[in-house]
Amino acid sequence: MEPLIDSITPPLSIAQVDSTVYVESEPQSPGSDRAAADLLALRETLLAAVITRVGEVEAAEWALDQAKAACDVQIVAALSAGVPAEKVVAAAGELASAALTGFDGDREPVQTEG
């Protein structure tokens, strides 16, 4: 008895062995059209999700920029009103350092690019 050898290659068809055998190509099944439509719908859904996420990220960046600008205005206003810089830095943290670079108590505050 011969040992059973598992093979990952499929067995040859008669058309592969004998070139005189004519094999008709199989018509595409309706399932393949449905699968293609499902893939197209999935692609459109994923693309819409990515576009939505990009919009959300852009909106969040804009909101962060607006909040930072408002904080900078408040820091400059506090410094202009005579609040000691140490108190402003203690209250505002790292945001105060950016505003302090453009502030000179003797003249109008200089707007810094950030």
PDB file of N, CA and C in Angstrom:
ATOM      1  N   MET A   1       0.831  -1.162   0.000  1.00  0.00           N
ATOM      2  CA  MET A   1       0.000   0.000   0.000  1.00  0.00           C
ATOM      3  C   MET A   1       0.890   1.243   0.000  1.00  0.00           C
ATOM      4  N   GLU A   2       0.537   2.219  -0.835  1.00  0.00           N
ATOM      5  CA  GLU A   2       1.319   3.444  -0.927  1.00  0.00           C
ATOM      6  C   GLU A   2       0.913   4.415   0.174  1.00  0.00           C
ATOM      7  N   PRO A   3       1.888   5.160   0.680  1.00  0.00           N
ATOM      8  CA  PRO A   3       1.546   6.124   1.719  1.00  0.00           C
ATOM      9  C   PRO A   3       0.742   7.285   1.123  1.00  0.00           C
ATOM     10  N   LEU A   4      -0.159   7.813   1.901  1.00  0.00           N
ATOM     11  CA  LEU A   4      -0.978   8.940   1.481  1.00  0.00           C
ATOM     12  C   LEU A   4      -0.161  10.221   1.659  1.00  0.00           C
ATOM     13  N   ILE A   5       0.026  10.941   0.573  1.00  0.00           N
ATOM     14  CA  ILE A   5       0.798  12.179   0.619  1.00  0.00           C
ATOM     15  C   ILE A   5      -0.165  13.342   0.407  1.00  0.00           C
ATOM     16  N   ASP A   6      -0.249  14.194   1.408  1.00  0.00           N
ATOM     17  CA  ASP A   6      -1.091  15.385   1.264  1.00  0.00           C
ATOM     18  C   ASP A   6      -0.373  16.382   0.374  1.00  0.00           C
ATOM     19  N   SER A   7      -1.105  16.924  -0.547  1.00  0.00           N
ATOM     20  CA  SER A   7      -0.527  17.888  -1.469  1.00  0.00           C
ATOM     21  C   SER A   7      -1.407  19.129  -1.494  1.00  0.00           C
ATOM     22  N   ILE A   8      -0.763  20.275  -1.608  1.00  0.00           N
ATOM     23  CA  ILE A   8      -1.546  21.495  -1.671  1.00  0.00           C
ATOM     24  C   ILE A   8      -1.857  21.889  -3.106  1.00  0.00           C
ATOM     25  N   THR A   9      -1.326  21.143  -4.067  1.00  0.00           N
ATOM     26  CA  THR A   9      -1.627  21.440  -5.463  1.00  0.00           C
ATOM     27  C   THR A   9      -2.873  20.673  -5.867  1.00  0.00           C
ATOM     28  N   PRO A  10      -3.774  21.324  -6.582  1.00  0.00           N
ATOM     29  CA  PRO A  10      -4.989  20.620  -7.002  1.00  0.00           C
ATOM     30  C   PRO A  10      -4.662  19.608  -8.100  1.00  0.00           C
ATOM     31  N   PRO A  11      -5.479  18.601  -8.257  1.00  0.00           N
ATOM     32  CA  PRO A  11      -5.223  17.605  -9.308  1.00  0.00           C
ATOM     33  C   PRO A  11      -5.422  18.235 -10.686  1.00  0.00           C
ATOM     34  N   LEU A  12      -4.718  17.707 -11.672  1.00  0.00           N
ATOM     35  CA  LEU A  12      -4.827  18.219 -13.028  1.00  0.00           C
ATOM     36  C   LEU A  12      -6.165  17.841 -13.630  1.00  0.00           C
ATOM     37  N   SER A  13      -6.715  18.731 -14.416  1.00  0.00           N
ATOM     38  CA  SER A  13      -7.940  18.397 -15.139  1.00  0.00           C
ATOM     39  C   SER A  13      -7.544  17.742 -16.459  1.00  0.00           C
ATOM     40  N   ILE A  14      -8.496  17.125 -17.099  1.00  0.00           N
ATOM     41  CA  ILE A  14      -8.205  16.456 -18.375  1.00  0.00           C
ATOM     42  C   ILE A  14      -7.785  17.471 -19.435  1.00  0.00           C
ATOM     43  N   ALA A  15      -8.285  18.709 -19.332  1.00  0.00           N
ATOM     44  CA  ALA A  15      -7.919  19.737 -20.305  1.00  0.00           C
ATOM     45  C   ALA A  15      -6.450  20.126 -20.160  1.00  0.00           C
ATOM     46  N   GLN A  16      -5.912  20.008 -18.979  1.00  0.00           N
ATOM     47  CA  GLN A  16      -4.504  20.328 -18.793  1.00  0.00           C
ATOM     48  C   GLN A  16      -3.606  19.194 -19.292  1.00  0.00           C
ATOM     49  N   VAL A  17      -4.110  17.983 -19.270  1.00  0.00           N
ATOM     50  CA  VAL A  17      -3.322  16.836 -19.705  1.00  0.00           C
ATOM     51  C   VAL A  17      -3.386  16.671 -21.224  1.00  0.00           C
ATOM     52  N   ASP A  18      -4.578  16.797 -21.809  1.00  0.00           N
ATOM     53  CA  ASP A  18      -4.775  16.585 -23.242  1.00  0.00           C
ATOM     54  C   ASP A  18      -5.208  17.904 -23.868  1.00  0.00           C
ATOM     55  N   SER A  19      -4.365  18.475 -24.742  1.00  0.00           N
ATOM     56  CA  SER A  19      -4.663  19.776 -25.331  1.00  0.00           C
ATOM     57  C   SER A  19      -5.767  19.719 -26.376  1.00  0.00           C
ATOM     58  N   THR A  20      -6.182  18.537 -26.784  1.00  0.00           N
ATOM     59  CA  THR A  20      -7.247  18.425 -27.784  1.00  0.00           C
ATOM     60  C   THR A  20      -8.632  18.544 -27.157  1.00  0.00           C
ATOM     61  N   VAL A  21      -8.708  18.516 -25.865  1.00  0.00           N
ATOM     62  CA  VAL A  21     -10.003  18.623 -25.182  1.00  0.00           C
ATOM     63  C   VAL A  21     -10.418  20.086 -25.150  1.00  0.00           C
ATOM     64  N   TYR A  22     -11.638  20.355 -25.624  1.00  0.00           N
ATOM     65  CA  TYR A  22     -12.172  21.715 -25.630  1.00  0.00           C
ATOM     66  C   TYR A  22     -13.001  21.928 -24.362  1.00  0.00           C
ATOM     67  N   VAL A  23     -12.665  22.990 -23.663  1.00  0.00           N
ATOM     68  CA  VAL A  23     -13.395  23.300 -22.433  1.00  0.00           C
ATOM     69  C   VAL A  23     -14.054  24.657 -22.608  1.00  0.00           C
ATOM     70  N   GLU A  24     -15.364  24.694 -22.416  1.00  0.00           N
ATOM     71  CA  GLU A  24     -16.073  25.965 -22.499  1.00  0.00           C
ATOM     72  C   GLU A  24     -15.824  26.759 -21.221  1.00  0.00           C
ATOM     73  N   SER A  25     -15.660  28.054 -21.410  1.00  0.00           N
ATOM     74  CA  SER A  25     -15.490  28.880 -20.213  1.00  0.00           C
ATOM     75  C   SER A  25     -16.838  29.017 -19.516  1.00  0.00           C
ATOM     76  N   GLU A  26     -16.770  29.030 -18.221  1.00  0.00           N
ATOM     77  CA  GLU A  26     -17.997  29.126 -17.444  1.00  0.00           C
ATOM     78  C   GLU A  26     -18.506  30.561 -17.470  1.00  0.00           C
ATOM     79  N   PRO A  27     -19.804  30.729 -17.666  1.00  0.00           N
ATOM     80  CA  PRO A  27     -20.344  32.090 -17.599  1.00  0.00           C
ATOM     81  C   PRO A  27     -20.252  32.610 -16.162  1.00  0.00           C
ATOM     82  N   GLN A  28     -20.129  33.920 -16.051  1.00  0.00           N
ATOM     83  CA  GLN A  28     -20.044  34.479 -14.708  1.00  0.00           C
ATOM     84  C   GLN A  28     -21.368  34.273 -13.997  1.00  0.00           C
ATOM     85  N   SER A  29     -21.256  33.867 -12.786  1.00  0.00           N
ATOM     86  CA  SER A  29     -22.465  33.637 -12.008  1.00  0.00           C
ATOM     87  C   SER A  29     -23.002  34.970 -11.503  1.00  0.00           C
ATOM     88  N   PRO A  30     -24.297  35.035 -11.255  1.00  0.00           N
ATOM     89  CA  PRO A  30     -24.865  36.283 -10.736  1.00  0.00           C
ATOM     90  C   PRO A  30     -24.265  36.670  -9.384  1.00  0.00           C
ATOM     91  N   GLY A  31     -23.749  35.703  -8.674  1.00  0.00           N
ATOM     92  CA  GLY A  31     -23.144  35.984  -7.376  1.00  0.00           C
ATOM     93  C   GLY A  31     -21.914  36.859  -7.488  1.00  0.00           C
ATOM     94  N   SER A  32     -21.159  36.698  -8.583  1.00  0.00           N
ATOM     95  CA  SER A  32     -19.953  37.509  -8.724  1.00  0.00           C
ATOM     96  C   SER A  32     -20.306  38.970  -8.984  1.00  0.00           C
ATOM     97  N   ASP A  33     -21.404  39.213  -9.713  1.00  0.00           N
ATOM     98  CA  ASP A  33     -21.861  40.590  -9.914  1.00  0.00           C
ATOM     99  C   ASP A  33     -22.301  41.201  -8.593  1.00  0.00           C
ATOM    100  N   ARG A  34     -22.984  40.410  -7.793  1.00  0.00           N
ATOM    101  CA  ARG A  34     -23.438  40.884  -6.488  1.00  0.00           C
ATOM    102  C   ARG A  34     -22.241  41.159  -5.582  1.00  0.00           C
ATOM    103  N   ALA A  35     -21.222  40.302  -5.658  1.00  0.00           N
ATOM    104  CA  ALA A  35     -20.025  40.509  -4.843  1.00  0.00           C
ATOM    105  C   ALA A  35     -19.303  41.783  -5.272  1.00  0.00           C
ATOM    106  N   ALA A  36     -19.243  42.027  -6.573  1.00  0.00           N
ATOM    107  CA  ALA A  36     -18.604  43.251  -7.060  1.00  0.00           C
ATOM    108  C   ALA A  36     -19.377  44.479  -6.603  1.00  0.00           C
ATOM    109  N   ALA A  37     -20.697  44.398  -6.646  1.00  0.00           N
ATOM    110  CA  ALA A  37     -21.519  45.521  -6.181  1.00  0.00           C
ATOM    111  C   ALA A  37     -21.339  45.738  -4.686  1.00  0.00           C
ATOM    112  N   ASP A  38     -21.238  44.629  -3.936  1.00  0.00           N
ATOM    113  CA  ASP A  38     -21.012  44.744  -2.494  1.00  0.00           C
ATOM    114  C   ASP A  38     -19.660  45.386  -2.203  1.00  0.00           C
ATOM    115  N   LEU A  39     -18.638  45.003  -2.968  1.00  0.00           N
ATOM    116  CA  LEU A  39     -17.315  45.601  -2.773  1.00  0.00           C
ATOM    117  C   LEU A  39     -17.320  47.085  -3.120  1.00  0.00           C
ATOM    118  N   LEU A  40     -18.040  47.442  -4.182  1.00  0.00           N
ATOM    119  CA  LEU A  40     -18.138  48.853  -4.559  1.00  0.00           C
ATOM    120  C   LEU A  40     -18.861  49.645  -3.472  1.00  0.00           C
ATOM    121  N   ALA A  41     -19.932  49.082  -2.937  1.00  0.00           N
ATOM    122  CA  ALA A  41     -20.661  49.760  -1.859  1.00  0.00           C
ATOM    123  C   ALA A  41     -19.788  49.885  -0.613  1.00  0.00           C
ATOM    124  N   LEU A  42     -19.029  48.844  -0.312  1.00  0.00           N
ATOM    125  CA  LEU A  42     -18.126  48.893   0.838  1.00  0.00           C
ATOM    126  C   LEU A  42     -17.055  49.950   0.627  1.00  0.00           C
ATOM    127  N   ARG A  43     -16.513  50.024  -0.573  1.00  0.00           N
ATOM    128  CA  ARG A  43     -15.496  51.033  -0.883  1.00  0.00           C
ATOM    129  C   ARG A  43     -16.061  52.436  -0.705  1.00  0.00           C
ATOM    130  N   GLU A  44     -17.276  52.658  -1.203  1.00  0.00           N
ATOM    131  CA  GLU A  44     -17.901  53.975  -1.066  1.00  0.00           C
ATOM    132  C   GLU A  44     -18.169  54.309   0.395  1.00  0.00           C
ATOM    133  N   THR A  45     -18.580  53.324   1.171  1.00  0.00           N
ATOM    134  CA  THR A  45     -18.832  53.546   2.595  1.00  0.00           C
ATOM    135  C   THR A  45     -17.546  53.892   3.325  1.00  0.00           C
ATOM    136  N   LEU A  46     -16.484  53.154   3.035  1.00  0.00           N
ATOM    137  CA  LEU A  46     -15.200  53.432   3.681  1.00  0.00           C
ATOM    138  C   LEU A  46     -14.651  54.791   3.268  1.00  0.00           C
ATOM    139  N   LEU A  47     -14.798  55.139   2.004  1.00  0.00           N
ATOM    140  CA  LEU A  47     -14.341  56.445   1.535  1.00  0.00           C
ATOM    141  C   LEU A  47     -15.116  57.565   2.223  1.00  0.00           C
ATOM    142  N   ALA A  48     -16.416  57.390   2.368  1.00  0.00           N
ATOM    143  CA  ALA A  48     -17.228  58.393   3.069  1.00  0.00           C
ATOM    144  C   ALA A  48     -16.805  58.509   4.526  1.00  0.00           C
ATOM    145  N   ALA A  49     -16.476  57.382   5.155  1.00  0.00           N
ATOM    146  CA  ALA A  49     -16.028  57.414   6.552  1.00  0.00           C
ATOM    147  C   ALA A  49     -14.702  58.143   6.683  1.00  0.00           C
ATOM    148  N   VAL A  50     -13.788  57.917   5.745  1.00  0.00           N
ATOM    149  CA  VAL A  50     -12.489  58.598   5.784  1.00  0.00           C
ATOM    150  C   VAL A  50     -12.672  60.095   5.577  1.00  0.00           C
ATOM    151  N   ILE A  51     -13.508  60.476   4.623  1.00  0.00           N
ATOM    152  CA  ILE A  51     -13.753  61.897   4.368  1.00  0.00           C
ATOM    153  C   ILE A  51     -14.385  62.554   5.587  1.00  0.00           C
ATOM    154  N   THR A  52     -15.310  61.859   6.229  1.00  0.00           N
ATOM    155  CA  THR A  52     -15.931  62.395   7.444  1.00  0.00           C
ATOM    156  C   THR A  52     -14.896  62.580   8.535  1.00  0.00           C
ATOM    157  N   ARG A  53     -14.031  61.598   8.701  1.00  0.00           N
ATOM    158  CA  ARG A  53     -12.997  61.687   9.744  1.00  0.00           C
ATOM    159  C   ARG A  53     -12.030  62.831   9.462  1.00  0.00           C
ATOM    160  N   VAL A  54     -11.667  63.028   8.211  1.00  0.00           N
ATOM    161  CA  VAL A  54     -10.784  64.140   7.853  1.00  0.00           C
ATOM    162  C   VAL A  54     -11.446  65.461   8.212  1.00  0.00           C
ATOM    163  N   GLY A  55     -12.733  65.574   7.937  1.00  0.00           N
ATOM    164  CA  GLY A  55     -13.463  66.783   8.301  1.00  0.00           C
ATOM    165  C   GLY A  55     -13.489  67.003   9.798  1.00  0.00           C
ATOM    166  N   GLU A  56     -13.659  65.921  10.555  1.00  0.00           N
ATOM    167  CA  GLU A  56     -13.663  66.033  12.015  1.00  0.00           C
ATOM    168  C   GLU A  56     -12.303  66.493  12.535  1.00  0.00           C
ATOM    169  N   VAL A  57     -11.238  65.953  11.962  1.00  0.00           N
ATOM    170  CA  VAL A  57      -9.889  66.342  12.390  1.00  0.00           C
ATOM    171  C   VAL A  57      -9.632  67.808  12.059  1.00  0.00           C
ATOM    172  N   GLU A  58     -10.030  68.234  10.868  1.00  0.00           N
ATOM    173  CA  GLU A  58      -9.856  69.641  10.486  1.00  0.00           C
ATOM    174  C   GLU A  58     -10.638  70.553  11.422  1.00  0.00           C
ATOM    175  N   ALA A  59     -11.865  70.166  11.765  1.00  0.00           N
ATOM    176  CA  ALA A  59     -12.677  70.977  12.677  1.00  0.00           C
ATOM    177  C   ALA A  59     -12.043  71.040  14.063  1.00  0.00           C
ATOM    178  N   ALA A  60     -11.489  69.921  14.516  1.00  0.00           N
ATOM    179  CA  ALA A  60     -10.833  69.904  15.831  1.00  0.00           C
ATOM    180  C   ALA A  60      -9.586  70.782  15.830  1.00  0.00           C
ATOM    181  N   GLU A  61      -8.813  70.733  14.748  1.00  0.00           N
ATOM    182  CA  GLU A  61      -7.628  71.593  14.656  1.00  0.00           C
ATOM    183  C   GLU A  61      -8.025  73.063  14.647  1.00  0.00           C
ATOM    184  N   TRP A  62      -9.091  73.395  13.924  1.00  0.00           N
ATOM    185  CA  TRP A  62      -9.560  74.776  13.878  1.00  0.00           C
ATOM    186  C   TRP A  62     -10.005  75.225  15.264  1.00  0.00           C
ATOM    187  N   ALA A  63     -10.768  74.377  15.966  1.00  0.00           N
ATOM    188  CA  ALA A  63     -11.231  74.724  17.314  1.00  0.00           C
ATOM    189  C   ALA A  63     -10.053  74.905  18.267  1.00  0.00           C
ATOM    190  N   LEU A  64      -9.048  74.064  18.145  1.00  0.00           N
ATOM    191  CA  LEU A  64      -7.858  74.192  18.988  1.00  0.00           C
ATOM    192  C   LEU A  64      -7.124  75.498  18.697  1.00  0.00           C
ATOM    193  N   ASP A  65      -6.994  75.840  17.425  1.00  0.00           N
ATOM    194  CA  ASP A  65      -6.350  77.108  17.064  1.00  0.00           C
ATOM    195  C   ASP A  65      -7.134  78.299  17.606  1.00  0.00           C
ATOM    196  N   GLN A  66      -8.460  78.224  17.536  1.00  0.00           N
ATOM    197  CA  GLN A  66      -9.290  79.313  18.050  1.00  0.00           C
ATOM    198  C   GLN A  66      -9.154  79.437  19.562  1.00  0.00           C
ATOM    199  N   ALA A  67      -9.134  78.308  20.258  1.00  0.00           N
ATOM    200  CA  ALA A  67      -8.984  78.334  21.717  1.00  0.00           C
ATOM    201  C   ALA A  67      -7.619  78.881  22.114  1.00  0.00           C
ATOM    202  N   LYS A  68      -6.587  78.499  21.381  1.00  0.00           N
ATOM    203  CA  LYS A  68      -5.241  79.003  21.675  1.00  0.00           C
ATOM    204  C   LYS A  68      -5.169  80.505  21.439  1.00  0.00           C
ATOM    205  N   ALA A  69      -5.773  80.976  20.357  1.00  0.00           N
ATOM    206  CA  ALA A  69      -5.780  82.412  20.074  1.00  0.00           C
ATOM    207  C   ALA A  69      -6.535  83.173  21.163  1.00  0.00           C
ATOM    208  N   ALA A  70      -7.662  82.630  21.621  1.00  0.00           N
ATOM    209  CA  ALA A  70      -8.421  83.283  22.695  1.00  0.00           C
ATOM    210  C   ALA A  70      -7.614  83.305  23.985  1.00  0.00           C
ATOM    211  N   CYS A  71      -6.900  82.233  24.265  1.00  0.00           N
ATOM    212  CA  CYS A  71      -6.056  82.173  25.463  1.00  0.00           C
ATOM    213  C   CYS A  71      -4.932  83.198  25.371  1.00  0.00           C
ATOM    214  N   ASP A  72      -4.337  83.316  24.186  1.00  0.00           N
ATOM    215  CA  ASP A  72      -3.272  84.306  24.000  1.00  0.00           C
ATOM    216  C   ASP A  72      -3.791  85.723  24.248  1.00  0.00           C
ATOM    217  N   VAL A  73      -4.995  86.010  23.771  1.00  0.00           N
ATOM    218  CA  VAL A  73      -5.586  87.333  23.980  1.00  0.00           C
ATOM    219  C   VAL A  73      -5.803  87.582  25.469  1.00  0.00           C
ATOM    220  N   GLN A  74      -6.283  86.566  26.178  1.00  0.00           N
ATOM    221  CA  GLN A  74      -6.508  86.720  27.620  1.00  0.00           C
ATOM    222  C   GLN A  74      -5.193  86.911  28.370  1.00  0.00           C
ATOM    223  N   ILE A  75      -4.152  86.212  27.961  1.00  0.00           N
ATOM    224  CA  ILE A  75      -2.842  86.354  28.612  1.00  0.00           C
ATOM    225  C   ILE A  75      -2.307  87.768  28.403  1.00  0.00           C
ATOM    226  N   VAL A  76      -2.373  88.243  27.172  1.00  0.00           N
ATOM    227  CA  VAL A  76      -1.889  89.594  26.877  1.00  0.00           C
ATOM    228  C   VAL A  76      -2.718  90.627  27.631  1.00  0.00           C
ATOM    229  N   ALA A  77      -4.037  90.412  27.713  1.00  0.00           N
ATOM    230  CA  ALA A  77      -4.891  91.347  28.451  1.00  0.00           C
ATOM    231  C   ALA A  77      -4.523  91.365  29.929  1.00  0.00           C
ATOM    232  N   ALA A  78      -4.248  90.192  30.493  1.00  0.00           N
ATOM    233  CA  ALA A  78      -3.869  90.131  31.911  1.00  0.00           C
ATOM    234  C   ALA A  78      -2.540  90.831  32.140  1.00  0.00           C
ATOM    235  N   LEU A  79      -1.585  90.602  31.262  1.00  0.00           N
ATOM    236  CA  LEU A  79      -0.287  91.262  31.403  1.00  0.00           C
ATOM    237  C   LEU A  79      -0.421  92.773  31.215  1.00  0.00           C
ATOM    238  N   SER A  80      -1.269  93.191  30.274  1.00  0.00           N
ATOM    239  CA  SER A  80      -1.482  94.617  30.041  1.00  0.00           C
ATOM    240  C   SER A  80      -2.163  95.279  31.231  1.00  0.00           C
ATOM    241  N   ALA A  81      -2.979  94.517  31.949  1.00  0.00           N
ATOM    242  CA  ALA A  81      -3.688  95.051  33.114  1.00  0.00           C
ATOM    243  C   ALA A  81      -2.791  95.121  34.337  1.00  0.00           C
ATOM    244  N   GLY A  82      -1.580  94.598  34.231  1.00  0.00           N
ATOM    245  CA  GLY A  82      -0.640  94.697  35.334  1.00  0.00           C
ATOM    246  C   GLY A  82      -0.529  93.457  36.196  1.00  0.00           C
ATOM    247  N   VAL A  83      -1.148  92.365  35.784  1.00  0.00           N
ATOM    248  CA  VAL A  83      -1.019  91.117  36.542  1.00  0.00           C
ATOM    249  C   VAL A  83       0.424  90.644  36.391  1.00  0.00           C
ATOM    250  N   PRO A  84       1.083  90.291  37.501  1.00  0.00           N
ATOM    251  CA  PRO A  84       2.478  89.843  37.409  1.00  0.00           C
ATOM    252  C   PRO A  84       2.617  88.618  36.490  1.00  0.00           C
ATOM    253  N   ALA A  85       3.711  88.605  35.744  1.00  0.00           N
ATOM    254  CA  ALA A  85       3.950  87.522  34.784  1.00  0.00           C
ATOM    255  C   ALA A  85       3.995  86.165  35.460  1.00  0.00           C
ATOM    256  N   GLU A  86       4.494  86.099  36.699  1.00  0.00           N
ATOM    257  CA  GLU A  86       4.564  84.821  37.415  1.00  0.00           C
ATOM    258  C   GLU A  86       3.167  84.241  37.634  1.00  0.00           C
ATOM    259  N   LYS A  87       2.196  85.116  37.972  1.00  0.00           N
ATOM    260  CA  LYS A  87       0.822  84.639  38.178  1.00  0.00           C
ATOM    261  C   LYS A  87       0.212  84.177  36.856  1.00  0.00           C
ATOM    262  N   VAL A  88       0.505  84.913  35.798  1.00  0.00           N
ATOM    263  CA  VAL A  88      -0.035  84.539  34.490  1.00  0.00           C
ATOM    264  C   VAL A  88       0.534  83.196  34.054  1.00  0.00           C
ATOM    265  N   VAL A  89       1.834  83.014  34.241  1.00  0.00           N
ATOM    266  CA  VAL A  89       2.469  81.746  33.871  1.00  0.00           C
ATOM    267  C   VAL A  89       1.920  80.608  34.718  1.00  0.00           C
ATOM    268  N   ALA A  90       1.704  80.868  36.012  1.00  0.00           N
ATOM    269  CA  ALA A  90       1.157  79.828  36.886  1.00  0.00           C
ATOM    270  C   ALA A  90      -0.256  79.444  36.451  1.00  0.00           C
ATOM    271  N   ALA A  91      -1.035  80.412  35.993  1.00  0.00           N
ATOM    272  CA  ALA A  91      -2.415  80.134  35.594  1.00  0.00           C
ATOM    273  C   ALA A  91      -2.507  79.522  34.197  1.00  0.00           C
ATOM    274  N   ALA A  92      -1.681  79.997  33.281  1.00  0.00           N
ATOM    275  CA  ALA A  92      -1.808  79.567  31.887  1.00  0.00           C
ATOM    276  C   ALA A  92      -0.856  78.450  31.503  1.00  0.00           C
ATOM    277  N   GLY A  93       0.187  78.244  32.266  1.00  0.00           N
ATOM    278  CA  GLY A  93       1.121  77.166  31.951  1.00  0.00           C
ATOM    279  C   GLY A  93       1.947  77.454  30.714  1.00  0.00           C
ATOM    280  N   GLU A  94       2.088  76.444  29.863  1.00  0.00           N
ATOM    281  CA  GLU A  94       2.947  76.563  28.683  1.00  0.00           C
ATOM    282  C   GLU A  94       2.437  77.583  27.677  1.00  0.00           C
ATOM    283  N   LEU A  95       1.127  77.806  27.652  1.00  0.00           N
ATOM    284  CA  LEU A  95       0.587  78.772  26.703  1.00  0.00           C
ATOM    285  C   LEU A  95       1.093  80.179  26.981  1.00  0.00           C
ATOM    286  N   ALA A  96       1.410  80.458  28.250  1.00  0.00           N
ATOM    287  CA  ALA A  96       1.860  81.802  28.608  1.00  0.00           C
ATOM    288  C   ALA A  96       3.220  82.108  28.011  1.00  0.00           C
ATOM    289  N   SER A  97       4.073  81.116  27.874  1.00  0.00           N
ATOM    290  CA  SER A  97       5.422  81.384  27.361  1.00  0.00           C
ATOM    291  C   SER A  97       5.378  81.921  25.935  1.00  0.00           C
ATOM    292  N   ALA A  98       4.464  81.428  25.121  1.00  0.00           N
ATOM    293  CA  ALA A  98       4.347  81.921  23.746  1.00  0.00           C
ATOM    294  C   ALA A  98       3.841  83.355  23.730  1.00  0.00           C
ATOM    295  N   ALA A  99       2.896  83.664  24.592  1.00  0.00           N
ATOM    296  CA  ALA A  99       2.354  85.022  24.633  1.00  0.00           C
ATOM    297  C   ALA A  99       3.362  85.992  25.230  1.00  0.00           C
ATOM    298  N   LEU A 100       4.161  85.523  26.180  1.00  0.00           N
ATOM    299  CA  LEU A 100       5.140  86.403  26.822  1.00  0.00           C
ATOM    300  C   LEU A 100       6.266  86.807  25.874  1.00  0.00           C
ATOM    301  N   THR A 101       6.557  85.992  24.890  1.00  0.00           N
ATOM    302  CA  THR A 101       7.643  86.339  23.967  1.00  0.00           C
ATOM    303  C   THR A 101       7.302  87.570  23.148  1.00  0.00           C
ATOM    304  N   GLY A 102       6.024  87.785  22.875  1.00  0.00           N
ATOM    305  CA  GLY A 102       5.629  88.935  22.068  1.00  0.00           C
ATOM    306  C   GLY A 102       5.146  90.101  22.889  1.00  0.00           C
ATOM    307  N   PHE A 103       5.233  90.016  24.196  1.00  0.00           N
ATOM    308  CA  PHE A 103       4.700  91.075  25.050  1.00  0.00           C
ATOM    309  C   PHE A 103       5.818  91.928  25.621  1.00  0.00           C
ATOM    310  N   ASP A 104       5.638  93.235  25.506  1.00  0.00           N
ATOM    311  CA  ASP A 104       6.539  94.196  26.132  1.00  0.00           C
ATOM    312  C   ASP A 104       5.645  95.167  26.891  1.00  0.00           C
ATOM    313  N   GLY A 105       5.840  95.277  28.182  1.00  0.00           N
ATOM    314  CA  GLY A 105       4.958  96.070  29.021  1.00  0.00           C
ATOM    315  C   GLY A 105       4.935  97.542  28.674  1.00  0.00           C
ATOM    316  N   ASP A 106       5.968  98.068  28.003  1.00  0.00           N
ATOM    317  CA  ASP A 106       6.034  99.494  27.700  1.00  0.00           C
ATOM    318  C   ASP A 106       5.259  99.873  26.445  1.00  0.00           C
ATOM    319  N   ARG A 107       4.942  98.891  25.613  1.00  0.00           N
ATOM    320  CA  ARG A 107       4.242  99.225  24.376  1.00  0.00           C
ATOM    321  C   ARG A 107       3.151  98.196  24.124  1.00  0.00           C
ATOM    322  N   GLU A 108       2.460  98.370  23.042  1.00  0.00           N
ATOM    323  CA  GLU A 108       1.369  97.464  22.701  1.00  0.00           C
ATOM    324  C   GLU A 108       1.910  96.043  22.488  1.00  0.00           C
ATOM    325  N   PRO A 109       1.118  95.033  22.825  1.00  0.00           N
ATOM    326  CA  PRO A 109       1.574  93.658  22.613  1.00  0.00           C
ATOM    327  C   PRO A 109       1.745  93.357  21.124  1.00  0.00           C
ATOM    328  N   VAL A 110       2.736  92.527  20.847  1.00  0.00           N
ATOM    329  CA  VAL A 110       3.015  92.115  19.477  1.00  0.00           C
ATOM    330  C   VAL A 110       2.400  90.741  19.276  1.00  0.00           C
ATOM    331  N   GLN A 111       1.630  90.601  18.220  1.00  0.00           N
ATOM    332  CA  GLN A 111       0.989  89.323  17.938  1.00  0.00           C
ATOM    333  C   GLN A 111       2.037  88.346  17.420  1.00  0.00           C
ATOM    334  N   THR A 112       2.137  87.174  18.027  1.00  0.00           N
ATOM    335  CA  THR A 112       3.108  86.166  17.598  1.00  0.00           C
ATOM    336  C   THR A 112       2.431  85.173  16.684  1.00  0.00           C
ATOM    337  N   GLU A 113       3.175  84.660  15.741  1.00  0.00           N
ATOM    338  CA  GLU A 113       2.669  83.637  14.836  1.00  0.00           C
ATOM    339  C   GLU A 113       2.862  82.285  15.501  1.00  0.00           C
ATOM    340  N   GLY A 114       1.886  81.434  15.443  1.00  0.00           N
ATOM    341  CA  GLY A 114       2.022  80.161  16.124  1.00  0.00           C
ATOM    342  C   GLY A 114       1.390  79.115  15.416  1.00  0.00           C
TER     343      GLY A 114
END
